[in-house]
Amino acid sequence: MSDNSLSSYQTFGNLTIPAANEELISNVPVIVRKRVAFGDCDPAGIVYTPRFADYLIVAQSWLREVLFDQPLPVELPMRGMTLDFRLMMRAGDRFDMRCDVTEIRRRMFTIKIVGVGGDGLVTFVGTLSPIAYDQKRRCSVDLPKCLRDRLYQYQEICRASEEA
């Protein structure tokens, strides 16, 4: 897990903002807290559009770390990605990303990632769709049972936590 350094700051001229970082704040559901880095923004201080894809990958990486404590028998490259921007974000803004597994298919699954700002408002909604890929055969393959079972288990635990 990453070091929690939310209290550290960076200074750029007369602008002081919290240092960019991330931390896992919940395992079920997986929620990652992050701050927007100064370098993630254009000269007006607004997050560059491509950075949102980076944020999705960060959240997906944490989900993978939480769910799978050992190497997987397949690679999981991205088959697809969507992004829906709701509110702009600026350097120094804190936001949380919640990861839900919304669909599990034969060869792929879909992760929905919702970004919520410090004010509780949704800033973006994205999906990532990893596909099971066999590097040696150079083709997509069925999701291994160990992976499929863990994804279903995560879905159920998340549903149960919401109902409680």
N, C-alpha and C. Protein backbone atom coordinates (compact mmCIF):
# COMPACT_ATOMS: atom_id res chain seq x y z
N MET A 1 0.83 -1.19 0.00
CA MET A 1 0.00 0.00 0.00
C MET A 1 0.87 1.24 0.00
N SER A 2 0.30 2.30 -0.50
CA SER A 2 1.09 3.54 -0.58
C SER A 2 1.14 4.24 0.77
N ASP A 3 2.15 5.03 0.92
CA ASP A 3 2.33 5.85 2.10
C ASP A 3 1.28 6.96 2.08
N ASN A 4 0.62 7.17 3.20
CA ASN A 4 -0.39 8.24 3.27
C ASN A 4 0.33 9.55 3.52
N SER A 5 0.41 10.38 2.47
CA SER A 5 1.13 11.66 2.60
C SER A 5 0.22 12.81 2.21
N LEU A 6 -1.05 12.72 2.57
CA LEU A 6 -2.00 13.77 2.21
C LEU A 6 -1.64 15.11 2.84
N SER A 7 -0.84 15.10 3.89
CA SER A 7 -0.52 16.36 4.55
C SER A 7 0.70 17.04 3.95
N SER A 8 1.38 16.41 2.97
CA SER A 8 2.54 17.06 2.37
C SER A 8 2.08 18.01 1.26
N TYR A 9 2.90 19.03 1.01
CA TYR A 9 2.53 20.06 0.04
C TYR A 9 3.65 20.31 -0.94
N GLN A 10 3.28 20.86 -2.12
CA GLN A 10 4.23 21.29 -3.13
C GLN A 10 4.01 22.79 -3.34
N THR A 11 5.11 23.53 -3.57
CA THR A 11 5.00 24.95 -3.82
C THR A 11 5.52 25.26 -5.22
N PHE A 12 4.72 26.01 -5.98
CA PHE A 12 5.07 26.44 -7.33
C PHE A 12 4.88 27.94 -7.37
N GLY A 13 6.00 28.68 -7.26
CA GLY A 13 5.89 30.14 -7.19
C GLY A 13 5.15 30.52 -5.92
N ASN A 14 4.05 31.25 -6.06
CA ASN A 14 3.26 31.62 -4.88
C ASN A 14 2.05 30.70 -4.67
N LEU A 15 2.01 29.60 -5.43
CA LEU A 15 0.92 28.64 -5.31
C LEU A 15 1.38 27.43 -4.51
N THR A 16 0.70 27.13 -3.42
CA THR A 16 1.00 25.95 -2.61
C THR A 16 -0.21 25.03 -2.65
N ILE A 17 0.03 23.77 -3.07
CA ILE A 17 -1.06 22.80 -3.16
C ILE A 17 -0.61 21.50 -2.51
N PRO A 18 -1.57 20.67 -2.09
CA PRO A 18 -1.21 19.36 -1.55
C PRO A 18 -0.49 18.52 -2.60
N ALA A 19 0.46 17.72 -2.16
CA ALA A 19 1.19 16.84 -3.07
C ALA A 19 0.23 15.79 -3.64
N ALA A 20 0.49 15.41 -4.89
CA ALA A 20 -0.32 14.36 -5.52
C ALA A 20 0.04 13.03 -4.90
N ASN A 21 -0.95 12.24 -4.63
CA ASN A 21 -0.74 10.90 -4.11
C ASN A 21 -2.06 10.16 -4.16
N GLU A 22 -2.01 8.94 -3.70
CA GLU A 22 -3.24 8.15 -3.62
C GLU A 22 -3.13 7.22 -2.43
N GLU A 23 -4.28 6.83 -1.93
CA GLU A 23 -4.30 5.86 -0.85
C GLU A 23 -5.59 5.06 -0.95
N LEU A 24 -5.50 3.82 -0.54
CA LEU A 24 -6.67 2.94 -0.48
C LEU A 24 -7.38 3.27 0.82
N ILE A 25 -8.66 3.67 0.73
CA ILE A 25 -9.39 4.00 1.96
C ILE A 25 -10.46 2.97 2.28
N SER A 26 -10.74 2.05 1.34
CA SER A 26 -11.72 0.99 1.60
C SER A 26 -11.40 -0.20 0.70
N ASN A 27 -11.52 -1.40 1.28
CA ASN A 27 -11.35 -2.63 0.49
C ASN A 27 -12.66 -3.12 -0.11
N VAL A 28 -13.79 -2.86 0.58
CA VAL A 28 -15.10 -3.31 0.11
C VAL A 28 -16.08 -2.18 0.30
N PRO A 29 -16.50 -1.53 -0.74
CA PRO A 29 -15.92 -1.62 -2.08
C PRO A 29 -14.54 -0.96 -2.09
N VAL A 30 -13.77 -1.25 -3.13
CA VAL A 30 -12.47 -0.61 -3.26
C VAL A 30 -12.71 0.87 -3.54
N ILE A 31 -12.16 1.72 -2.66
CA ILE A 31 -12.22 3.17 -2.83
C ILE A 31 -10.81 3.71 -2.68
N VAL A 32 -10.39 4.46 -3.67
CA VAL A 32 -9.05 5.05 -3.70
C VAL A 32 -9.19 6.56 -3.59
N ARG A 33 -8.45 7.16 -2.68
CA ARG A 33 -8.45 8.62 -2.53
C ARG A 33 -7.21 9.16 -3.23
N LYS A 34 -7.39 10.24 -3.97
CA LYS A 34 -6.29 10.83 -4.73
C LYS A 34 -6.43 12.34 -4.71
N ARG A 35 -5.30 13.01 -4.88
CA ARG A 35 -5.30 14.46 -5.07
C ARG A 35 -4.79 14.75 -6.47
N VAL A 36 -5.37 15.77 -7.08
CA VAL A 36 -4.94 16.18 -8.41
C VAL A 36 -3.58 16.87 -8.29
N ALA A 37 -2.63 16.40 -9.07
CA ALA A 37 -1.28 16.97 -9.06
C ALA A 37 -1.25 18.23 -9.93
N PHE A 38 -0.37 19.13 -9.59
CA PHE A 38 -0.18 20.35 -10.38
C PHE A 38 0.13 19.98 -11.84
N GLY A 39 0.97 18.97 -12.03
CA GLY A 39 1.36 18.53 -13.38
C GLY A 39 0.25 17.87 -14.17
N ASP A 40 -0.87 17.55 -13.53
CA ASP A 40 -2.02 16.96 -14.22
C ASP A 40 -2.88 18.03 -14.89
N CYS A 41 -2.50 19.29 -14.72
CA CYS A 41 -3.37 20.39 -15.14
C CYS A 41 -2.75 21.27 -16.24
N ASP A 42 -3.65 21.93 -16.95
CA ASP A 42 -3.22 22.90 -17.97
C ASP A 42 -2.86 24.21 -17.26
N PRO A 43 -2.40 25.22 -18.01
CA PRO A 43 -2.02 26.49 -17.37
C PRO A 43 -3.14 27.16 -16.57
N ALA A 44 -4.38 26.86 -16.89
CA ALA A 44 -5.50 27.44 -16.14
C ALA A 44 -5.79 26.66 -14.86
N GLY A 45 -5.06 25.56 -14.65
CA GLY A 45 -5.25 24.77 -13.44
C GLY A 45 -6.34 23.72 -13.54
N ILE A 46 -6.83 23.44 -14.74
CA ILE A 46 -7.88 22.44 -14.96
C ILE A 46 -7.22 21.13 -15.40
N VAL A 47 -7.73 20.00 -14.89
CA VAL A 47 -7.15 18.70 -15.23
C VAL A 47 -7.23 18.45 -16.73
N TYR A 48 -6.07 18.06 -17.31
CA TYR A 48 -6.03 17.65 -18.71
C TYR A 48 -6.93 16.43 -18.90
N THR A 49 -7.67 16.39 -19.99
CA THR A 49 -8.58 15.27 -20.26
C THR A 49 -7.90 13.90 -20.20
N PRO A 50 -6.72 13.71 -20.80
CA PRO A 50 -6.10 12.37 -20.77
C PRO A 50 -5.76 11.87 -19.37
N ARG A 51 -5.63 12.77 -18.41
CA ARG A 51 -5.30 12.35 -17.04
C ARG A 51 -6.41 11.50 -16.43
N PHE A 52 -7.65 11.71 -16.88
CA PHE A 52 -8.75 10.91 -16.34
C PHE A 52 -8.56 9.43 -16.65
N ALA A 53 -8.01 9.13 -17.82
CA ALA A 53 -7.71 7.73 -18.15
C ALA A 53 -6.67 7.19 -17.18
N ASP A 54 -5.68 8.01 -16.84
CA ASP A 54 -4.68 7.60 -15.85
C ASP A 54 -5.35 7.31 -14.51
N TYR A 55 -6.29 8.16 -14.11
CA TYR A 55 -6.99 7.95 -12.84
C TYR A 55 -7.74 6.62 -12.84
N LEU A 56 -8.39 6.30 -13.97
CA LEU A 56 -9.10 5.03 -14.05
C LEU A 56 -8.14 3.85 -13.88
N ILE A 57 -6.98 3.94 -14.51
CA ILE A 57 -5.99 2.87 -14.41
C ILE A 57 -5.47 2.74 -12.98
N VAL A 58 -5.27 3.86 -12.30
CA VAL A 58 -4.85 3.82 -10.89
C VAL A 58 -5.88 3.07 -10.06
N ALA A 59 -7.16 3.41 -10.23
CA ALA A 59 -8.22 2.74 -9.47
C ALA A 59 -8.27 1.25 -9.79
N GLN A 60 -8.18 0.91 -11.07
CA GLN A 60 -8.20 -0.49 -11.48
C GLN A 60 -7.01 -1.25 -10.91
N SER A 61 -5.87 -0.62 -10.82
CA SER A 61 -4.68 -1.27 -10.25
C SER A 61 -4.89 -1.59 -8.78
N TRP A 62 -5.50 -0.67 -8.04
CA TRP A 62 -5.80 -0.94 -6.64
C TRP A 62 -6.81 -2.06 -6.50
N LEU A 63 -7.83 -2.08 -7.35
CA LEU A 63 -8.82 -3.15 -7.31
C LEU A 63 -8.13 -4.50 -7.54
N ARG A 64 -7.28 -4.54 -8.52
CA ARG A 64 -6.54 -5.78 -8.83
C ARG A 64 -5.68 -6.21 -7.64
N GLU A 65 -5.01 -5.25 -7.01
CA GLU A 65 -4.18 -5.59 -5.85
C GLU A 65 -5.01 -6.14 -4.69
N VAL A 66 -6.18 -5.56 -4.46
CA VAL A 66 -7.04 -6.03 -3.37
C VAL A 66 -7.60 -7.42 -3.67
N LEU A 67 -8.02 -7.64 -4.91
CA LEU A 67 -8.69 -8.90 -5.25
C LEU A 67 -7.75 -10.08 -5.46
N PHE A 68 -6.57 -9.83 -5.99
CA PHE A 68 -5.70 -10.93 -6.38
C PHE A 68 -4.34 -10.81 -5.70
N ASP A 69 -4.12 -11.67 -4.73
CA ASP A 69 -2.87 -11.61 -3.97
C ASP A 69 -1.75 -12.44 -4.58
N GLN A 70 -2.01 -13.04 -5.73
CA GLN A 70 -0.97 -13.79 -6.42
C GLN A 70 -1.09 -13.55 -7.92
N PRO A 71 -0.04 -13.86 -8.67
CA PRO A 71 -0.08 -13.61 -10.12
C PRO A 71 -1.23 -14.37 -10.78
N LEU A 72 -1.82 -13.73 -11.77
CA LEU A 72 -2.93 -14.35 -12.51
C LEU A 72 -2.37 -15.19 -13.65
N PRO A 73 -3.10 -16.24 -14.07
CA PRO A 73 -2.63 -17.09 -15.16
C PRO A 73 -2.82 -16.47 -16.55
N VAL A 74 -3.40 -15.29 -16.61
CA VAL A 74 -3.61 -14.60 -17.88
C VAL A 74 -3.25 -13.13 -17.71
N GLU A 75 -3.03 -12.45 -18.83
CA GLU A 75 -2.86 -11.00 -18.83
C GLU A 75 -4.26 -10.38 -18.90
N LEU A 76 -4.38 -9.12 -18.49
CA LEU A 76 -5.67 -8.42 -18.54
C LEU A 76 -5.53 -7.06 -19.21
N PRO A 77 -5.22 -7.04 -20.51
CA PRO A 77 -5.17 -5.75 -21.21
C PRO A 77 -6.58 -5.16 -21.33
N MET A 78 -6.65 -3.86 -21.57
CA MET A 78 -7.94 -3.19 -21.69
C MET A 78 -8.53 -3.38 -23.08
N ARG A 79 -9.76 -3.86 -23.10
CA ARG A 79 -10.51 -4.01 -24.34
C ARG A 79 -11.29 -2.74 -24.66
N GLY A 80 -11.70 -2.04 -23.60
CA GLY A 80 -12.48 -0.83 -23.81
C GLY A 80 -12.45 0.09 -22.61
N MET A 81 -12.79 1.35 -22.86
CA MET A 81 -12.82 2.36 -21.81
C MET A 81 -13.86 3.40 -22.18
N THR A 82 -14.60 3.87 -21.18
CA THR A 82 -15.51 5.00 -21.39
C THR A 82 -15.25 6.03 -20.30
N LEU A 83 -15.56 7.27 -20.61
CA LEU A 83 -15.44 8.35 -19.64
C LEU A 83 -16.59 9.34 -19.83
N ASP A 84 -17.18 9.74 -18.73
CA ASP A 84 -18.23 10.76 -18.75
C ASP A 84 -17.82 11.81 -17.73
N PHE A 85 -17.48 13.00 -18.21
CA PHE A 85 -17.04 14.08 -17.35
C PHE A 85 -18.25 14.82 -16.80
N ARG A 86 -18.31 15.00 -15.48
CA ARG A 86 -19.45 15.67 -14.86
C ARG A 86 -19.09 17.06 -14.34
N LEU A 87 -17.94 17.18 -13.69
CA LEU A 87 -17.49 18.46 -13.14
C LEU A 87 -15.98 18.59 -13.35
N MET A 88 -15.51 19.82 -13.55
CA MET A 88 -14.07 20.00 -13.72
C MET A 88 -13.38 19.84 -12.37
N MET A 89 -12.12 19.48 -12.46
CA MET A 89 -11.30 19.37 -11.25
C MET A 89 -10.05 20.22 -11.45
N ARG A 90 -9.51 20.71 -10.34
CA ARG A 90 -8.35 21.60 -10.38
C ARG A 90 -7.21 21.01 -9.54
N ALA A 91 -6.04 21.56 -9.74
CA ALA A 91 -4.88 21.16 -8.96
C ALA A 91 -5.19 21.26 -7.47
N GLY A 92 -4.83 20.22 -6.74
CA GLY A 92 -5.06 20.19 -5.30
C GLY A 92 -6.37 19.60 -4.87
N ASP A 93 -7.34 19.43 -5.81
CA ASP A 93 -8.62 18.84 -5.43
C ASP A 93 -8.43 17.39 -4.98
N ARG A 94 -9.12 17.03 -3.92
CA ARG A 94 -9.14 15.66 -3.45
C ARG A 94 -10.39 14.99 -4.03
N PHE A 95 -10.24 13.73 -4.43
CA PHE A 95 -11.40 12.98 -4.90
C PHE A 95 -11.23 11.50 -4.58
N ASP A 96 -12.35 10.81 -4.47
CA ASP A 96 -12.36 9.38 -4.20
C ASP A 96 -12.87 8.66 -5.44
N MET A 97 -12.31 7.50 -5.71
CA MET A 97 -12.75 6.66 -6.83
C MET A 97 -13.24 5.33 -6.29
N ARG A 98 -14.51 5.04 -6.54
CA ARG A 98 -15.11 3.78 -6.10
C ARG A 98 -15.13 2.82 -7.28
N CYS A 99 -14.73 1.58 -7.03
CA CYS A 99 -14.66 0.54 -8.07
C CYS A 99 -15.73 -0.52 -7.85
N ASP A 100 -16.57 -0.72 -8.85
CA ASP A 100 -17.58 -1.78 -8.82
C ASP A 100 -17.41 -2.65 -10.05
N VAL A 101 -17.52 -3.96 -9.87
CA VAL A 101 -17.53 -4.88 -11.01
C VAL A 101 -18.98 -4.99 -11.44
N THR A 102 -19.29 -4.49 -12.63
CA THR A 102 -20.68 -4.41 -13.06
C THR A 102 -21.10 -5.52 -14.00
N GLU A 103 -20.14 -6.12 -14.68
CA GLU A 103 -20.48 -7.16 -15.66
C GLU A 103 -19.33 -8.17 -15.73
N ILE A 104 -19.69 -9.44 -15.73
CA ILE A 104 -18.70 -10.50 -15.89
C ILE A 104 -19.16 -11.37 -17.04
N ARG A 105 -18.34 -11.43 -18.07
CA ARG A 105 -18.65 -12.22 -19.26
C ARG A 105 -17.70 -13.41 -19.36
N ARG A 106 -17.78 -14.10 -20.47
CA ARG A 106 -16.95 -15.28 -20.67
C ARG A 106 -15.45 -14.94 -20.70
N ARG A 107 -15.08 -13.87 -21.41
CA ARG A 107 -13.67 -13.53 -21.58
C ARG A 107 -13.27 -12.18 -20.98
N MET A 108 -14.23 -11.43 -20.54
CA MET A 108 -13.93 -10.08 -20.04
C MET A 108 -14.87 -9.72 -18.91
N PHE A 109 -14.55 -8.61 -18.25
CA PHE A 109 -15.42 -8.06 -17.22
C PHE A 109 -15.34 -6.54 -17.29
N THR A 110 -16.29 -5.88 -16.65
CA THR A 110 -16.34 -4.42 -16.69
C THR A 110 -16.28 -3.87 -15.28
N ILE A 111 -15.43 -2.87 -15.11
CA ILE A 111 -15.27 -2.17 -13.84
C ILE A 111 -15.83 -0.77 -14.02
N LYS A 112 -16.77 -0.39 -13.17
CA LYS A 112 -17.30 0.98 -13.17
C LYS A 112 -16.57 1.74 -12.08
N ILE A 113 -16.04 2.90 -12.45
CA ILE A 113 -15.28 3.73 -11.51
C ILE A 113 -15.96 5.10 -11.44
N VAL A 114 -16.39 5.46 -10.25
CA VAL A 114 -17.07 6.74 -10.04
C VAL A 114 -16.16 7.63 -9.20
N GLY A 115 -15.83 8.80 -9.75
CA GLY A 115 -15.02 9.79 -9.04
C GLY A 115 -15.93 10.77 -8.33
N VAL A 116 -15.70 10.95 -7.04
CA VAL A 116 -16.51 11.85 -6.22
C VAL A 116 -15.58 12.86 -5.55
N GLY A 117 -15.87 14.13 -5.73
CA GLY A 117 -15.06 15.19 -5.14
C GLY A 117 -15.24 15.30 -3.64
N GLY A 118 -14.40 16.12 -3.01
CA GLY A 118 -14.47 16.33 -1.57
C GLY A 118 -15.81 16.90 -1.12
N ASP A 119 -16.54 17.52 -2.04
CA ASP A 119 -17.85 18.08 -1.72
C ASP A 119 -18.98 17.06 -1.87
N GLY A 120 -18.63 15.81 -2.25
CA GLY A 120 -19.62 14.76 -2.39
C GLY A 120 -20.27 14.68 -3.76
N LEU A 121 -19.88 15.56 -4.69
CA LEU A 121 -20.47 15.56 -6.02
C LEU A 121 -19.66 14.66 -6.97
N VAL A 122 -20.37 13.97 -7.86
CA VAL A 122 -19.72 13.11 -8.83
C VAL A 122 -18.99 13.98 -9.85
N THR A 123 -17.69 13.72 -10.02
CA THR A 123 -16.88 14.49 -10.95
C THR A 123 -16.70 13.76 -12.28
N PHE A 124 -16.66 12.44 -12.25
CA PHE A 124 -16.57 11.65 -13.48
C PHE A 124 -17.04 10.23 -13.23
N VAL A 125 -17.46 9.58 -14.31
CA VAL A 125 -17.84 8.17 -14.27
C VAL A 125 -17.13 7.51 -15.45
N GLY A 126 -16.46 6.42 -15.18
CA GLY A 126 -15.75 5.73 -16.24
C GLY A 126 -15.90 4.23 -16.12
N THR A 127 -15.63 3.54 -17.21
CA THR A 127 -15.58 2.08 -17.17
C THR A 127 -14.31 1.61 -17.84
N LEU A 128 -13.81 0.52 -17.34
CA LEU A 128 -12.70 -0.20 -17.96
C LEU A 128 -13.15 -1.63 -18.18
N SER A 129 -12.80 -2.18 -19.32
CA SER A 129 -13.19 -3.57 -19.64
C SER A 129 -11.96 -4.39 -19.98
N PRO A 130 -11.33 -5.01 -18.95
CA PRO A 130 -10.19 -5.88 -19.21
C PRO A 130 -10.66 -7.18 -19.88
N ILE A 131 -9.82 -7.74 -20.71
CA ILE A 131 -10.11 -9.00 -21.37
C ILE A 131 -9.00 -10.00 -21.05
N ALA A 132 -9.37 -11.25 -20.82
CA ALA A 132 -8.38 -12.29 -20.53
C ALA A 132 -7.59 -12.59 -21.80
N TYR A 133 -6.27 -12.57 -21.69
CA TYR A 133 -5.41 -12.73 -22.84
C TYR A 133 -4.27 -13.69 -22.50
N ASP A 134 -4.09 -14.69 -23.36
CA ASP A 134 -3.00 -15.65 -23.19
C ASP A 134 -1.81 -15.16 -24.02
N GLN A 135 -0.76 -14.76 -23.33
CA GLN A 135 0.42 -14.20 -24.00
C GLN A 135 1.09 -15.21 -24.93
N LYS A 136 1.16 -16.47 -24.51
CA LYS A 136 1.85 -17.48 -25.33
C LYS A 136 1.07 -17.77 -26.62
N ARG A 137 -0.25 -17.89 -26.51
CA ARG A 137 -1.07 -18.19 -27.68
C ARG A 137 -1.44 -16.94 -28.46
N ARG A 138 -1.23 -15.77 -27.84
CA ARG A 138 -1.52 -14.47 -28.46
C ARG A 138 -2.98 -14.34 -28.89
N CYS A 139 -3.87 -14.68 -27.94
CA CYS A 139 -5.30 -14.56 -28.22
C CYS A 139 -6.08 -14.43 -26.91
N SER A 140 -7.32 -13.96 -27.03
CA SER A 140 -8.17 -13.88 -25.85
C SER A 140 -8.61 -15.29 -25.46
N VAL A 141 -8.84 -15.47 -24.17
CA VAL A 141 -9.24 -16.77 -23.64
C VAL A 141 -10.34 -16.56 -22.61
N ASP A 142 -10.97 -17.64 -22.20
CA ASP A 142 -11.98 -17.55 -21.15
C ASP A 142 -11.34 -17.08 -19.85
N LEU A 143 -12.11 -16.32 -19.06
CA LEU A 143 -11.62 -15.92 -17.74
C LEU A 143 -11.34 -17.18 -16.92
N PRO A 144 -10.19 -17.28 -16.31
CA PRO A 144 -9.92 -18.44 -15.47
C PRO A 144 -10.91 -18.51 -14.30
N LYS A 145 -11.21 -19.71 -13.86
CA LYS A 145 -12.18 -19.91 -12.78
C LYS A 145 -11.80 -19.12 -11.52
N CYS A 146 -10.51 -19.11 -11.17
CA CYS A 146 -10.08 -18.39 -9.96
C CYS A 146 -10.40 -16.90 -10.06
N LEU A 147 -10.21 -16.33 -11.23
CA LEU A 147 -10.49 -14.92 -11.46
C LEU A 147 -12.00 -14.66 -11.46
N ARG A 148 -12.73 -15.49 -12.19
CA ARG A 148 -14.19 -15.36 -12.27
C ARG A 148 -14.82 -15.47 -10.88
N ASP A 149 -14.39 -16.48 -10.11
CA ASP A 149 -14.96 -16.69 -8.77
C ASP A 149 -14.70 -15.49 -7.88
N ARG A 150 -13.49 -14.94 -7.94
CA ARG A 150 -13.15 -13.80 -7.09
C ARG A 150 -13.95 -12.55 -7.49
N LEU A 151 -14.18 -12.37 -8.79
CA LEU A 151 -14.99 -11.23 -9.25
C LEU A 151 -16.43 -11.35 -8.75
N TYR A 152 -17.01 -12.55 -8.85
CA TYR A 152 -18.37 -12.76 -8.35
C TYR A 152 -18.44 -12.54 -6.84
N GLN A 153 -17.43 -13.02 -6.14
CA GLN A 153 -17.38 -12.85 -4.69
C GLN A 153 -17.33 -11.36 -4.33
N TYR A 154 -16.51 -10.60 -5.04
CA TYR A 154 -16.42 -9.17 -4.80
C TYR A 154 -17.76 -8.49 -5.06
N GLN A 155 -18.43 -8.85 -6.15
CA GLN A 155 -19.75 -8.28 -6.44
C GLN A 155 -20.72 -8.53 -5.28
N GLU A 156 -20.75 -9.75 -4.79
CA GLU A 156 -21.67 -10.11 -3.72
C GLU A 156 -21.36 -9.38 -2.42
N ILE A 157 -20.08 -9.29 -2.08
CA ILE A 157 -19.69 -8.60 -0.85
C ILE A 157 -20.07 -7.11 -0.95
N CYS A 158 -19.86 -6.51 -2.12
CA CYS A 158 -20.22 -5.09 -2.30
C CYS A 158 -21.73 -4.90 -2.18
N ARG A 159 -22.50 -5.79 -2.78
CA ARG A 159 -23.97 -5.69 -2.66
C ARG A 159 -24.41 -5.81 -1.23
N ALA A 160 -23.85 -6.78 -0.52
CA ALA A 160 -24.22 -7.00 0.88
C ALA A 160 -23.86 -5.79 1.75
N SER A 161 -22.70 -5.17 1.47
CA SER A 161 -22.30 -4.00 2.26
C SER A 161 -23.23 -2.82 2.02
N GLU A 162 -23.78 -2.70 0.81
CA GLU A 162 -24.71 -1.60 0.50
C GLU A 162 -26.05 -1.82 1.19
N GLU A 163 -26.46 -3.09 1.31
CA GLU A 163 -27.76 -3.40 1.91
C GLU A 163 -27.72 -3.29 3.43
N ALA A 164 -26.52 -3.38 4.00
CA ALA A 164 -26.39 -3.35 5.47
C ALA A 164 -26.58 -1.95 6.02
